[in-house]
PDB file of N, CA and C in Angstrom:
ATOM      1  N   MET A   1       4.678 -18.566   3.258  1.00  0.00           N
ATOM      2  CA  MET A   1       5.735 -18.197   3.551  1.00  0.00           C
ATOM      3  C   MET A   1       5.215 -16.359   3.760  1.00  0.00           C
ATOM      4  N   ALA A   2       5.881 -15.543   4.558  1.00  0.00           N
ATOM      5  CA  ALA A   2       5.561 -14.540   5.089  1.00  0.00           C
ATOM      6  C   ALA A   2       6.409 -13.294   4.084  1.00  0.00           C
ATOM      7  N   ILE A   3       5.737 -12.464   3.854  1.00  0.00           N
ATOM      8  CA  ILE A   3       6.345 -11.329   2.947  1.00  0.00           C
ATOM      9  C   ILE A   3       6.783 -10.221   4.360  1.00  0.00           C
ATOM     10  N   GLN A   4       7.841  -9.674   4.107  1.00  0.00           N
ATOM     11  CA  GLN A   4       8.719  -9.053   5.166  1.00  0.00           C
ATOM     12  C   GLN A   4       8.707  -7.443   4.635  1.00  0.00           C
ATOM     13  N   PHE A   5       8.433  -6.140   4.918  1.00  0.00           N
ATOM     14  CA  PHE A   5       8.578  -5.160   4.887  1.00  0.00           C
ATOM     15  C   PHE A   5       9.261  -3.987   5.704  1.00  0.00           C
ATOM     16  N   ASP A   6      10.236  -3.573   5.290  1.00  0.00           N
ATOM     17  CA  ASP A   6      10.934  -2.438   6.463  1.00  0.00           C
ATOM     18  C   ASP A   6      10.724  -1.033   5.876  1.00  0.00           C
ATOM     19  N   PHE A   7       9.657  -0.432   6.937  1.00  0.00           N
ATOM     20  CA  PHE A   7       9.251   0.882   6.447  1.00  0.00           C
ATOM     21  C   PHE A   7       9.881   1.658   7.525  1.00  0.00           C
ATOM     22  N   ALA A   8      11.251   1.173   8.219  1.00  0.00           N
ATOM     23  CA  ALA A   8      12.042   2.258   8.700  1.00  0.00           C
ATOM     24  C   ALA A   8      12.274   3.555   8.069  1.00  0.00           C
ATOM     25  N   GLY A   9      12.048   4.462   9.088  1.00  0.00           N
ATOM     26  CA  GLY A   9      12.298   5.869   8.575  1.00  0.00           C
ATOM     27  C   GLY A   9      10.985   6.552   7.778  1.00  0.00           C
ATOM     28  N   LYS A  10      10.051   5.689   7.340  1.00  0.00           N
ATOM     29  CA  LYS A  10       8.699   6.197   6.693  1.00  0.00           C
ATOM     30  C   LYS A  10       7.739   6.457   7.785  1.00  0.00           C
ATOM     31  N   VAL A  11       6.621   7.211   7.260  1.00  0.00           N
ATOM     32  CA  VAL A  11       5.599   7.542   8.214  1.00  0.00           C
ATOM     33  C   VAL A  11       4.416   7.211   7.550  1.00  0.00           C
ATOM     34  N   ALA A  12       3.447   6.417   8.253  1.00  0.00           N
ATOM     35  CA  ALA A  12       2.202   5.864   7.590  1.00  0.00           C
ATOM     36  C   ALA A  12       0.895   6.569   8.383  1.00  0.00           C
ATOM     37  N   PHE A  13       0.199   6.953   7.584  1.00  0.00           N
ATOM     38  CA  PHE A  13      -1.175   7.939   7.836  1.00  0.00           C
ATOM     39  C   PHE A  13      -1.988   6.731   7.769  1.00  0.00           C
ATOM     40  N   VAL A  14      -2.842   6.697   9.018  1.00  0.00           N
ATOM     41  CA  VAL A  14      -3.843   5.506   8.764  1.00  0.00           C
ATOM     42  C   VAL A  14      -5.336   6.016   9.665  1.00  0.00           C
ATOM     43  N   THR A  15      -6.231   6.282   8.594  1.00  0.00           N
ATOM     44  CA  THR A  15      -7.567   6.718   8.829  1.00  0.00           C
ATOM     45  C   THR A  15      -8.576   5.279   9.206  1.00  0.00           C
ATOM     46  N   GLY A  16      -9.240   5.717  10.348  1.00  0.00           N
ATOM     47  CA  GLY A  16     -10.180   4.321  10.949  1.00  0.00           C
ATOM     48  C   GLY A  16      -9.494   3.658  11.437  1.00  0.00           C
ATOM     49  N   GLY A  17      -8.116   4.321  12.425  1.00  0.00           N
ATOM     50  CA  GLY A  17      -7.070   3.244  12.783  1.00  0.00           C
ATOM     51  C   GLY A  17      -7.491   3.136  14.415  1.00  0.00           C
ATOM     52  N   GLY A  18      -8.756   3.405  14.787  1.00  0.00           N
ATOM     53  CA  GLY A  18      -9.132   2.572  16.241  1.00  0.00           C
ATOM     54  C   GLY A  18      -9.765   1.236  16.233  1.00  0.00           C
ATOM     55  N   THR A  19      -9.837   0.930  15.330  1.00  0.00           N
ATOM     56  CA  THR A  19     -10.948  -0.244  15.470  1.00  0.00           C
ATOM     57  C   THR A  19     -10.530  -0.957  13.980  1.00  0.00           C
ATOM     58  N   GLY A  20     -10.858  -2.125  13.986  1.00  0.00           N
ATOM     59  CA  GLY A  20     -10.945  -3.311  12.928  1.00  0.00           C
ATOM     60  C   GLY A  20      -9.912  -3.282  12.029  1.00  0.00           C
ATOM     61  N   ILE A  21      -9.813  -3.512  10.411  1.00  0.00           N
ATOM     62  CA  ILE A  21      -8.646  -3.400   9.491  1.00  0.00           C
ATOM     63  C   ILE A  21      -7.922  -2.601  10.016  1.00  0.00           C
ATOM     64  N   GLY A  22      -8.480  -0.915   9.907  1.00  0.00           N
ATOM     65  CA  GLY A  22      -7.634   0.118  10.366  1.00  0.00           C
ATOM     66  C   GLY A  22      -6.529   0.210  11.262  1.00  0.00           C
ATOM     67  N   ARG A  23      -6.965  -0.844  12.852  1.00  0.00           N
ATOM     68  CA  ARG A  23      -6.103  -0.898  13.873  1.00  0.00           C
ATOM     69  C   ARG A  23      -5.084  -1.831  13.271  1.00  0.00           C
ATOM     70  N   ALA A  24      -5.589  -3.131  12.738  1.00  0.00           N
ATOM     71  CA  ALA A  24      -4.453  -3.785  12.301  1.00  0.00           C
ATOM     72  C   ALA A  24      -3.616  -3.360  11.347  1.00  0.00           C
ATOM     73  N   THR A  25      -3.940  -2.610  10.477  1.00  0.00           N
ATOM     74  CA  THR A  25      -2.713  -2.138   9.452  1.00  0.00           C
ATOM     75  C   THR A  25      -1.925  -1.189  10.268  1.00  0.00           C
ATOM     76  N   ALA A  26      -2.771  -0.330  11.137  1.00  0.00           N
ATOM     77  CA  ALA A  26      -1.868   0.687  12.140  1.00  0.00           C
ATOM     78  C   ALA A  26      -0.348  -0.404  12.738  1.00  0.00           C
ATOM     79  N   LEU A  27      -1.245  -1.305  13.470  1.00  0.00           N
ATOM     80  CA  LEU A  27      -0.437  -1.915  14.235  1.00  0.00           C
ATOM     81  C   LEU A  27       0.870  -2.597  13.270  1.00  0.00           C
ATOM     82  N   ALA A  28       0.708  -3.116  12.122  1.00  0.00           N
ATOM     83  CA  ALA A  28       1.428  -3.954  11.110  1.00  0.00           C
ATOM     84  C   ALA A  28       2.136  -3.243  10.742  1.00  0.00           C
ATOM     85  N   PHE A  29       2.153  -1.757  10.236  1.00  0.00           N
ATOM     86  CA  PHE A  29       3.051  -0.221   9.891  1.00  0.00           C
ATOM     87  C   PHE A  29       4.056  -0.398  11.003  1.00  0.00           C
ATOM     88  N   ALA A  30       3.483  -0.177  12.052  1.00  0.00           N
ATOM     89  CA  ALA A  30       4.297  -0.335  13.626  1.00  0.00           C
ATOM     90  C   ALA A  30       5.305  -1.327  13.811  1.00  0.00           C
ATOM     91  N   LYS A  31       4.811  -2.404  13.325  1.00  0.00           N
ATOM     92  CA  LYS A  31       6.015  -3.804  13.345  1.00  0.00           C
ATOM     93  C   LYS A  31       6.720  -3.591  12.526  1.00  0.00           C
ATOM     94  N   ALA A  32       6.640  -2.894  11.245  1.00  0.00           N
ATOM     95  CA  ALA A  32       7.173  -2.903  10.327  1.00  0.00           C
ATOM     96  C   ALA A  32       8.433  -1.367  10.245  1.00  0.00           C
ATOM     97  N   GLY A  33       8.306  -1.137  11.133  1.00  0.00           N
ATOM     98  CA  GLY A  33       9.349   0.018  11.568  1.00  0.00           C
ATOM     99  C   GLY A  33       8.552   1.143  11.196  1.00  0.00           C
ATOM    100  N   ALA A  34       7.910   1.987  11.143  1.00  0.00           N
ATOM    101  CA  ALA A  34       6.957   2.780  10.611  1.00  0.00           C
ATOM    102  C   ALA A  34       6.728   3.969  11.926  1.00  0.00           C
ATOM    103  N   SER A  35       6.632   5.184  11.458  1.00  0.00           N
ATOM    104  CA  SER A  35       6.141   5.791  12.469  1.00  0.00           C
ATOM    105  C   SER A  35       4.795   5.899  12.156  1.00  0.00           C
ATOM    106  N   VAL A  36       3.670   5.936  13.007  1.00  0.00           N
ATOM    107  CA  VAL A  36       2.335   6.049  12.610  1.00  0.00           C
ATOM    108  C   VAL A  36       1.623   6.676  13.069  1.00  0.00           C
ATOM    109  N   ALA A  37       0.898   7.767  12.320  1.00  0.00           N
ATOM    110  CA  ALA A  37       0.230   8.746  12.701  1.00  0.00           C
ATOM    111  C   ALA A  37      -1.662   7.772  12.195  1.00  0.00           C
ATOM    112  N   VAL A  38      -2.356   7.606  13.522  1.00  0.00           N
ATOM    113  CA  VAL A  38      -3.554   7.217  13.146  1.00  0.00           C
ATOM    114  C   VAL A  38      -4.923   8.093  13.642  1.00  0.00           C
ATOM    115  N   VAL A  39      -5.885   7.990  12.847  1.00  0.00           N
ATOM    116  CA  VAL A  39      -7.047   8.773  12.342  1.00  0.00           C
ATOM    117  C   VAL A  39      -8.189   8.336  13.036  1.00  0.00           C
ATOM    118  N   GLY A  40      -8.962   8.654  14.070  1.00  0.00           N
ATOM    119  CA  GLY A  40     -10.165   7.865  13.744  1.00  0.00           C
ATOM    120  C   GLY A  40     -11.200   9.024  14.329  1.00  0.00           C
ATOM    121  N   ARG A  41     -12.517   8.399  15.003  1.00  0.00           N
ATOM    122  CA  ARG A  41     -13.739   9.179  15.141  1.00  0.00           C
ATOM    123  C   ARG A  41     -13.470   9.935  16.491  1.00  0.00           C
ATOM    124  N   THR A  42     -13.168   9.018  17.610  1.00  0.00           N
ATOM    125  CA  THR A  42     -12.617   9.681  18.524  1.00  0.00           C
ATOM    126  C   THR A  42     -11.153   9.639  19.259  1.00  0.00           C
ATOM    127  N   GLU A  43     -11.095  10.542  19.941  1.00  0.00           N
ATOM    128  CA  GLU A  43      -9.625  10.605  20.386  1.00  0.00           C
ATOM    129  C   GLU A  43      -9.553   9.155  21.237  1.00  0.00           C
ATOM    130  N   ALA A  44     -10.320   8.651  22.200  1.00  0.00           N
ATOM    131  CA  ALA A  44     -10.258   7.536  22.927  1.00  0.00           C
ATOM    132  C   ALA A  44      -9.870   6.130  22.138  1.00  0.00           C
ATOM    133  N   SER A  45     -10.492   5.980  20.745  1.00  0.00           N
ATOM    134  CA  SER A  45     -10.448   5.110  19.851  1.00  0.00           C
ATOM    135  C   SER A  45      -9.235   4.567  19.405  1.00  0.00           C
ATOM    136  N   THR A  46      -8.616   5.678  19.210  1.00  0.00           N
ATOM    137  CA  THR A  46      -7.065   6.031  18.675  1.00  0.00           C
ATOM    138  C   THR A  46      -5.931   6.444  19.688  1.00  0.00           C
ATOM    139  N   GLN A  47      -6.368   6.192  20.823  1.00  0.00           N
ATOM    140  CA  GLN A  47      -5.494   6.066  21.924  1.00  0.00           C
ATOM    141  C   GLN A  47      -5.407   4.992  22.652  1.00  0.00           C
ATOM    142  N   LYS A  48      -6.188   4.338  23.037  1.00  0.00           N
ATOM    143  CA  LYS A  48      -6.344   3.037  23.640  1.00  0.00           C
ATOM    144  C   LYS A  48      -5.585   1.657  23.174  1.00  0.00           C
ATOM    145  N   PRO A  49      -6.208   1.435  22.108  1.00  0.00           N
ATOM    146  CA  PRO A  49      -5.513   0.476  21.765  1.00  0.00           C
ATOM    147  C   PRO A  49      -3.947   0.284  21.509  1.00  0.00           C
ATOM    148  N   PHE A  50      -3.217   1.585  21.277  1.00  0.00           N
ATOM    149  CA  PHE A  50      -1.851   1.341  21.173  1.00  0.00           C
ATOM    150  C   PHE A  50      -0.825   1.685  22.271  1.00  0.00           C
ATOM    151  N   LYS A  51      -1.619   1.753  23.531  1.00  0.00           N
ATOM    152  CA  LYS A  51      -0.653   1.538  24.810  1.00  0.00           C
ATOM    153  C   LYS A  51      -0.158   0.412  25.086  1.00  0.00           C
TER     154      LYS A  51
END
């Protein structure tokens, strides 16, 4: 059974969001309705995965 969360109207700040677990976390927050701010080592790593 999948647990579903509603993050509509919330902001998630994810560090290390360009790759790996951070990227998966950022995508999960976005799918749950949150506005997501992603920080990573390079701008390219934080932009490309989310376009």
